[in-house]
Amino acid sequence: MEAVNTLMAEIDSDEIHTLLVMNKIDMLDDFVPRIDRNDENVPIRVWLSAASGEGISLLYHALTERLSG
């Protein structure tokens, strides 16, 4: 993540809104998919498992919210 943030700053794109996707929650005990939001209720992070498909619908939902403005 640090390398991506550094690169974004180097190309003057560090002000672009991002959505962090935390994958592999299937490797964690008792962890459920979720969307984390900032103080303005904007999605900033999605927790999912690409392997099991858990949380993929949340990713679509968060992307839809972010792209619809």
PDB file of N, CA and C in Angstrom:
ATOM      1  N   MET A   1       0.824  -1.182   0.000  1.00  0.00           N
ATOM      2  CA  MET A   1       0.000   0.000   0.000  1.00  0.00           C
ATOM      3  C   MET A   1       0.874   1.254   0.000  1.00  0.00           C
ATOM      4  N   GLU A   2       1.975   1.182   0.708  1.00  0.00           N
ATOM      5  CA  GLU A   2       2.862   2.339   0.761  1.00  0.00           C
ATOM      6  C   GLU A   2       3.438   2.642  -0.622  1.00  0.00           C
ATOM      7  N   ALA A   3       3.798   1.606  -1.363  1.00  0.00           N
ATOM      8  CA  ALA A   3       4.345   1.800  -2.704  1.00  0.00           C
ATOM      9  C   ALA A   3       3.311   2.436  -3.633  1.00  0.00           C
ATOM     10  N   VAL A   4       2.070   1.994  -3.529  1.00  0.00           N
ATOM     11  CA  VAL A   4       1.002   2.562  -4.361  1.00  0.00           C
ATOM     12  C   VAL A   4       0.779   4.021  -3.985  1.00  0.00           C
ATOM     13  N   ASN A   5       0.721   4.319  -2.697  1.00  0.00           N
ATOM     14  CA  ASN A   5       0.521   5.703  -2.252  1.00  0.00           C
ATOM     15  C   ASN A   5       1.664   6.606  -2.710  1.00  0.00           C
ATOM     16  N   THR A   6       2.895   6.086  -2.657  1.00  0.00           N
ATOM     17  CA  THR A   6       4.049   6.853  -3.116  1.00  0.00           C
ATOM     18  C   THR A   6       3.953   7.127  -4.603  1.00  0.00           C
ATOM     19  N   LEU A   7       3.611   6.105  -5.373  1.00  0.00           N
ATOM     20  CA  LEU A   7       3.465   6.273  -6.814  1.00  0.00           C
ATOM     21  C   LEU A   7       2.363   7.269  -7.151  1.00  0.00           C
ATOM     22  N   MET A   8       1.238   7.167  -6.469  1.00  0.00           N
ATOM     23  CA  MET A   8       0.133   8.101  -6.712  1.00  0.00           C
ATOM     24  C   MET A   8       0.574   9.540  -6.449  1.00  0.00           C
ATOM     25  N   ALA A   9       1.362   9.745  -5.411  1.00  0.00           N
ATOM     26  CA  ALA A   9       1.866  11.085  -5.112  1.00  0.00           C
ATOM     27  C   ALA A   9       2.836  11.551  -6.186  1.00  0.00           C
ATOM     28  N   GLU A  10       3.678  10.655  -6.677  1.00  0.00           N
ATOM     29  CA  GLU A  10       4.652  11.008  -7.707  1.00  0.00           C
ATOM     30  C   GLU A  10       3.986  11.460  -8.998  1.00  0.00           C
ATOM     31  N   ILE A  11       2.837  10.899  -9.312  1.00  0.00           N
ATOM     32  CA  ILE A  11       2.150  11.281 -10.553  1.00  0.00           C
ATOM     33  C   ILE A  11       1.014  12.273 -10.286  1.00  0.00           C
ATOM     34  N   ASP A  12       1.082  12.918  -9.119  1.00  0.00           N
ATOM     35  CA  ASP A  12       0.104  13.939  -8.727  1.00  0.00           C
ATOM     36  C   ASP A  12      -1.331  13.421  -8.755  1.00  0.00           C
ATOM     37  N   SER A  13      -1.512  12.189  -8.323  1.00  0.00           N
ATOM     38  CA  SER A  13      -2.841  11.587  -8.276  1.00  0.00           C
ATOM     39  C   SER A  13      -3.222  11.175  -6.864  1.00  0.00           C
ATOM     40  N   ASP A  14      -2.537  11.703  -5.885  1.00  0.00           N
ATOM     41  CA  ASP A  14      -2.785  11.283  -4.508  1.00  0.00           C
ATOM     42  C   ASP A  14      -4.065  11.865  -3.924  1.00  0.00           C
ATOM     43  N   GLU A  15      -4.733  12.738  -4.651  1.00  0.00           N
ATOM     44  CA  GLU A  15      -6.009  13.290  -4.193  1.00  0.00           C
ATOM     45  C   GLU A  15      -7.205  12.520  -4.757  1.00  0.00           C
ATOM     46  N   ILE A  16      -6.947  11.512  -5.579  1.00  0.00           N
ATOM     47  CA  ILE A  16      -8.023  10.701  -6.153  1.00  0.00           C
ATOM     48  C   ILE A  16      -8.618   9.828  -5.054  1.00  0.00           C
ATOM     49  N   HIS A  17      -9.935   9.773  -4.995  1.00  0.00           N
ATOM     50  CA  HIS A  17     -10.602   8.939  -3.996  1.00  0.00           C
ATOM     51  C   HIS A  17     -10.319   7.473  -4.279  1.00  0.00           C
ATOM     52  N   THR A  18     -10.109   6.732  -3.224  1.00  0.00           N
ATOM     53  CA  THR A  18      -9.802   5.308  -3.362  1.00  0.00           C
ATOM     54  C   THR A  18     -10.773   4.468  -2.546  1.00  0.00           C
ATOM     55  N   LEU A  19     -10.845   3.198  -2.904  1.00  0.00           N
ATOM     56  CA  LEU A  19     -11.622   2.217  -2.154  1.00  0.00           C
ATOM     57  C   LEU A  19     -10.678   1.048  -1.893  1.00  0.00           C
ATOM     58  N   LEU A  20     -10.355   0.833  -0.647  1.00  0.00           N
ATOM     59  CA  LEU A  20      -9.432  -0.220  -0.264  1.00  0.00           C
ATOM     60  C   LEU A  20     -10.194  -1.542  -0.155  1.00  0.00           C
ATOM     61  N   VAL A  21      -9.687  -2.575  -0.808  1.00  0.00           N
ATOM     62  CA  VAL A  21     -10.320  -3.896  -0.769  1.00  0.00           C
ATOM     63  C   VAL A  21      -9.424  -4.826   0.032  1.00  0.00           C
ATOM     64  N   MET A  22      -9.966  -5.294   1.146  1.00  0.00           N
ATOM     65  CA  MET A  22      -9.245  -6.219   2.017  1.00  0.00           C
ATOM     66  C   MET A  22      -9.747  -7.631   1.718  1.00  0.00           C
ATOM     67  N   ASN A  23      -8.917  -8.410   1.045  1.00  0.00           N
ATOM     68  CA  ASN A  23      -9.278  -9.750   0.597  1.00  0.00           C
ATOM     69  C   ASN A  23      -8.821 -10.805   1.620  1.00  0.00           C
ATOM     70  N   LYS A  24      -9.257 -12.006   1.407  1.00  0.00           N
ATOM     71  CA  LYS A  24      -8.852 -13.199   2.165  1.00  0.00           C
ATOM     72  C   LYS A  24      -9.402 -13.245   3.584  1.00  0.00           C
ATOM     73  N   ILE A  25     -10.592 -12.693   3.797  1.00  0.00           N
ATOM     74  CA  ILE A  25     -11.162 -12.782   5.146  1.00  0.00           C
ATOM     75  C   ILE A  25     -11.499 -14.218   5.509  1.00  0.00           C
ATOM     76  N   ASP A  26     -11.535 -15.106   4.488  1.00  0.00           N
ATOM     77  CA  ASP A  26     -11.783 -16.521   4.768  1.00  0.00           C
ATOM     78  C   ASP A  26     -10.633 -17.133   5.578  1.00  0.00           C
ATOM     79  N   MET A  27      -9.499 -16.454   5.634  1.00  0.00           N
ATOM     80  CA  MET A  27      -8.355 -16.934   6.398  1.00  0.00           C
ATOM     81  C   MET A  27      -8.420 -16.483   7.870  1.00  0.00           C
ATOM     82  N   LEU A  28      -9.402 -15.658   8.197  1.00  0.00           N
ATOM     83  CA  LEU A  28      -9.552 -15.139   9.556  1.00  0.00           C
ATOM     84  C   LEU A  28     -10.696 -15.852  10.270  1.00  0.00           C
ATOM     85  N   ASP A  29     -10.567 -16.011  11.558  1.00  0.00           N
ATOM     86  CA  ASP A  29     -11.614 -16.646  12.354  1.00  0.00           C
ATOM     87  C   ASP A  29     -12.740 -15.658  12.651  1.00  0.00           C
ATOM     88  N   ASP A  30     -13.963 -16.107  12.457  1.00  0.00           N
ATOM     89  CA  ASP A  30     -15.154 -15.336  12.829  1.00  0.00           C
ATOM     90  C   ASP A  30     -15.163 -13.913  12.279  1.00  0.00           C
ATOM     91  N   PHE A  31     -14.762 -13.761  11.031  1.00  0.00           N
ATOM     92  CA  PHE A  31     -14.745 -12.440  10.408  1.00  0.00           C
ATOM     93  C   PHE A  31     -15.800 -12.406   9.317  1.00  0.00           C
ATOM     94  N   VAL A  32     -16.648 -11.403   9.357  1.00  0.00           N
ATOM     95  CA  VAL A  32     -17.727 -11.314   8.364  1.00  0.00           C
ATOM     96  C   VAL A  32     -17.441 -10.166   7.399  1.00  0.00           C
ATOM     97  N   PRO A  33     -17.897 -10.299   6.151  1.00  0.00           N
ATOM     98  CA  PRO A  33     -17.713  -9.223   5.184  1.00  0.00           C
ATOM     99  C   PRO A  33     -18.391  -7.952   5.670  1.00  0.00           C
ATOM    100  N   ARG A  34     -17.794  -6.808   5.318  1.00  0.00           N
ATOM    101  CA  ARG A  34     -18.394  -5.537   5.714  1.00  0.00           C
ATOM    102  C   ARG A  34     -17.830  -4.402   4.875  1.00  0.00           C
ATOM    103  N   ILE A  35     -18.513  -3.276   4.943  1.00  0.00           N
ATOM    104  CA  ILE A  35     -18.040  -2.035   4.336  1.00  0.00           C
ATOM    105  C   ILE A  35     -17.732  -1.071   5.474  1.00  0.00           C
ATOM    106  N   ASP A  36     -16.513  -0.544   5.494  1.00  0.00           N
ATOM    107  CA  ASP A  36     -16.162   0.512   6.437  1.00  0.00           C
ATOM    108  C   ASP A  36     -16.415   1.846   5.742  1.00  0.00           C
ATOM    109  N   ARG A  37     -16.912   2.805   6.505  1.00  0.00           N
ATOM    110  CA  ARG A  37     -17.259   4.120   5.959  1.00  0.00           C
ATOM    111  C   ARG A  37     -16.561   5.220   6.741  1.00  0.00           C
ATOM    112  N   ASN A  38     -16.340   6.350   6.071  1.00  0.00           N
ATOM    113  CA  ASN A  38     -15.747   7.496   6.759  1.00  0.00           C
ATOM    114  C   ASN A  38     -16.829   8.277   7.509  1.00  0.00           C
ATOM    115  N   ASP A  39     -16.465   9.405   8.065  1.00  0.00           N
ATOM    116  CA  ASP A  39     -17.407  10.220   8.844  1.00  0.00           C
ATOM    117  C   ASP A  39     -18.552  10.764   8.001  1.00  0.00           C
ATOM    118  N   GLU A  40     -18.355  10.812   6.689  1.00  0.00           N
ATOM    119  CA  GLU A  40     -19.395  11.306   5.784  1.00  0.00           C
ATOM    120  C   GLU A  40     -20.222  10.163   5.188  1.00  0.00           C
ATOM    121  N   ASN A  41     -20.057   8.956   5.735  1.00  0.00           N
ATOM    122  CA  ASN A  41     -20.780   7.753   5.332  1.00  0.00           C
ATOM    123  C   ASN A  41     -20.413   7.274   3.919  1.00  0.00           C
ATOM    124  N   VAL A  42     -19.222   7.645   3.466  1.00  0.00           N
ATOM    125  CA  VAL A  42     -18.732   7.219   2.153  1.00  0.00           C
ATOM    126  C   VAL A  42     -17.929   5.933   2.347  1.00  0.00           C
ATOM    127  N   PRO A  43     -18.168   4.907   1.506  1.00  0.00           N
ATOM    128  CA  PRO A  43     -17.390   3.672   1.617  1.00  0.00           C
ATOM    129  C   PRO A  43     -15.903   3.933   1.390  1.00  0.00           C
ATOM    130  N   ILE A  44     -15.063   3.436   2.290  1.00  0.00           N
ATOM    131  CA  ILE A  44     -13.621   3.600   2.146  1.00  0.00           C
ATOM    132  C   ILE A  44     -12.880   2.260   2.119  1.00  0.00           C
ATOM    133  N   ARG A  45     -13.535   1.191   2.630  1.00  0.00           N
ATOM    134  CA  ARG A  45     -12.877  -0.110   2.705  1.00  0.00           C
ATOM    135  C   ARG A  45     -13.929  -1.209   2.653  1.00  0.00           C
ATOM    136  N   VAL A  46     -13.613  -2.259   1.893  1.00  0.00           N
ATOM    137  CA  VAL A  46     -14.507  -3.421   1.823  1.00  0.00           C
ATOM    138  C   VAL A  46     -13.704  -4.659   2.216  1.00  0.00           C
ATOM    139  N   TRP A  47     -14.276  -5.445   3.104  1.00  0.00           N
ATOM    140  CA  TRP A  47     -13.665  -6.690   3.570  1.00  0.00           C
ATOM    141  C   TRP A  47     -14.393  -7.847   2.900  1.00  0.00           C
ATOM    142  N   LEU A  48     -13.638  -8.712   2.193  1.00  0.00           N
ATOM    143  CA  LEU A  48     -14.268  -9.792   1.433  1.00  0.00           C
ATOM    144  C   LEU A  48     -13.347 -10.987   1.269  1.00  0.00           C
ATOM    145  N   SER A  49     -13.888 -12.027   0.673  1.00  0.00           N
ATOM    146  CA  SER A  49     -13.114 -13.193   0.276  1.00  0.00           C
ATOM    147  C   SER A  49     -13.409 -13.483  -1.186  1.00  0.00           C
ATOM    148  N   ALA A  50     -12.437 -13.255  -2.032  1.00  0.00           N
ATOM    149  CA  ALA A  50     -12.616 -13.556  -3.449  1.00  0.00           C
ATOM    150  C   ALA A  50     -12.740 -15.063  -3.662  1.00  0.00           C
ATOM    151  N   ALA A  51     -12.066 -15.850  -2.838  1.00  0.00           N
ATOM    152  CA  ALA A  51     -12.086 -17.306  -2.984  1.00  0.00           C
ATOM    153  C   ALA A  51     -13.474 -17.886  -2.725  1.00  0.00           C
ATOM    154  N   SER A  52     -14.118 -17.433  -1.660  1.00  0.00           N
ATOM    155  CA  SER A  52     -15.433 -17.978  -1.317  1.00  0.00           C
ATOM    156  C   SER A  52     -16.585 -17.158  -1.912  1.00  0.00           C
ATOM    157  N   GLY A  53     -16.272 -15.924  -2.324  1.00  0.00           N
ATOM    158  CA  GLY A  53     -17.309 -15.044  -2.857  1.00  0.00           C
ATOM    159  C   GLY A  53     -18.001 -14.211  -1.797  1.00  0.00           C
ATOM    160  N   GLU A  54     -17.681 -14.455  -0.534  1.00  0.00           N
ATOM    161  CA  GLU A  54     -18.294 -13.671   0.544  1.00  0.00           C
ATOM    162  C   GLU A  54     -17.874 -12.207   0.425  1.00  0.00           C
ATOM    163  N   GLY A  55     -18.845 -11.322   0.423  1.00  0.00           N
ATOM    164  CA  GLY A  55     -18.569  -9.898   0.398  1.00  0.00           C
ATOM    165  C   GLY A  55     -18.450  -9.287  -0.984  1.00  0.00           C
ATOM    166  N   ILE A  56     -18.488 -10.105  -2.026  1.00  0.00           N
ATOM    167  CA  ILE A  56     -18.380  -9.569  -3.390  1.00  0.00           C
ATOM    168  C   ILE A  56     -19.542  -8.613  -3.673  1.00  0.00           C
ATOM    169  N   SER A  57     -20.731  -8.969  -3.208  1.00  0.00           N
ATOM    170  CA  SER A  57     -21.878  -8.081  -3.424  1.00  0.00           C
ATOM    171  C   SER A  57     -21.676  -6.745  -2.704  1.00  0.00           C
ATOM    172  N   LEU A  58     -20.983  -6.767  -1.559  1.00  0.00           N
ATOM    173  CA  LEU A  58     -20.683  -5.524  -0.852  1.00  0.00           C
ATOM    174  C   LEU A  58     -19.714  -4.661  -1.660  1.00  0.00           C
ATOM    175  N   LEU A  59     -18.770  -5.299  -2.333  1.00  0.00           N
ATOM    176  CA  LEU A  59     -17.844  -4.568  -3.186  1.00  0.00           C
ATOM    177  C   LEU A  59     -18.599  -3.876  -4.310  1.00  0.00           C
ATOM    178  N   TYR A  60     -19.506  -4.592  -4.956  1.00  0.00           N
ATOM    179  CA  TYR A  60     -20.318  -3.988  -6.019  1.00  0.00           C
ATOM    180  C   TYR A  60     -21.131  -2.810  -5.477  1.00  0.00           C
ATOM    181  N   HIS A  61     -21.683  -2.988  -4.295  1.00  0.00           N
ATOM    182  CA  HIS A  61     -22.485  -1.927  -3.686  1.00  0.00           C
ATOM    183  C   HIS A  61     -21.626  -0.696  -3.394  1.00  0.00           C
ATOM    184  N   ALA A  62     -20.456  -0.915  -2.804  1.00  0.00           N
ATOM    185  CA  ALA A  62     -19.568   0.199  -2.479  1.00  0.00           C
ATOM    186  C   ALA A  62     -19.091   0.909  -3.740  1.00  0.00           C
ATOM    187  N   LEU A  63     -18.766   0.150  -4.780  1.00  0.00           N
ATOM    188  CA  LEU A  63     -18.349   0.766  -6.049  1.00  0.00           C
ATOM    189  C   LEU A  63     -19.476   1.580  -6.664  1.00  0.00           C
ATOM    190  N   THR A  64     -20.683   1.048  -6.613  1.00  0.00           N
ATOM    191  CA  THR A  64     -21.836   1.760  -7.149  1.00  0.00           C
ATOM    192  C   THR A  64     -22.028   3.081  -6.410  1.00  0.00           C
ATOM    193  N   GLU A  65     -21.925   3.043  -5.104  1.00  0.00           N
ATOM    194  CA  GLU A  65     -22.065   4.274  -4.310  1.00  0.00           C
ATOM    195  C   GLU A  65     -20.989   5.292  -4.668  1.00  0.00           C
ATOM    196  N   ARG A  66     -19.747   4.829  -4.754  1.00  0.00           N
ATOM    197  CA  ARG A  66     -18.634   5.727  -5.027  1.00  0.00           C
ATOM    198  C   ARG A  66     -18.725   6.329  -6.426  1.00  0.00           C
ATOM    199  N   LEU A  67     -19.110   5.516  -7.391  1.00  0.00           N
ATOM    200  CA  LEU A  67     -19.158   5.998  -8.780  1.00  0.00           C
ATOM    201  C   LEU A  67     -20.375   6.832  -9.088  1.00  0.00           C
ATOM    202  N   SER A  68     -21.436   6.666  -8.302  1.00  0.00           N
ATOM    203  CA  SER A  68     -22.643   7.430  -8.570  1.00  0.00           C
ATOM    204  C   SER A  68     -22.542   8.841  -7.974  1.00  0.00           C
ATOM    205  N   GLY A  69     -21.563   9.042  -7.125  1.00  0.00           N
ATOM    206  CA  GLY A  69     -21.293  10.362  -6.596  1.00  0.00           C
ATOM    207  C   GLY A  69     -22.216  10.775  -5.509  1.00  0.00           C
TER     208      GLY A  69
END
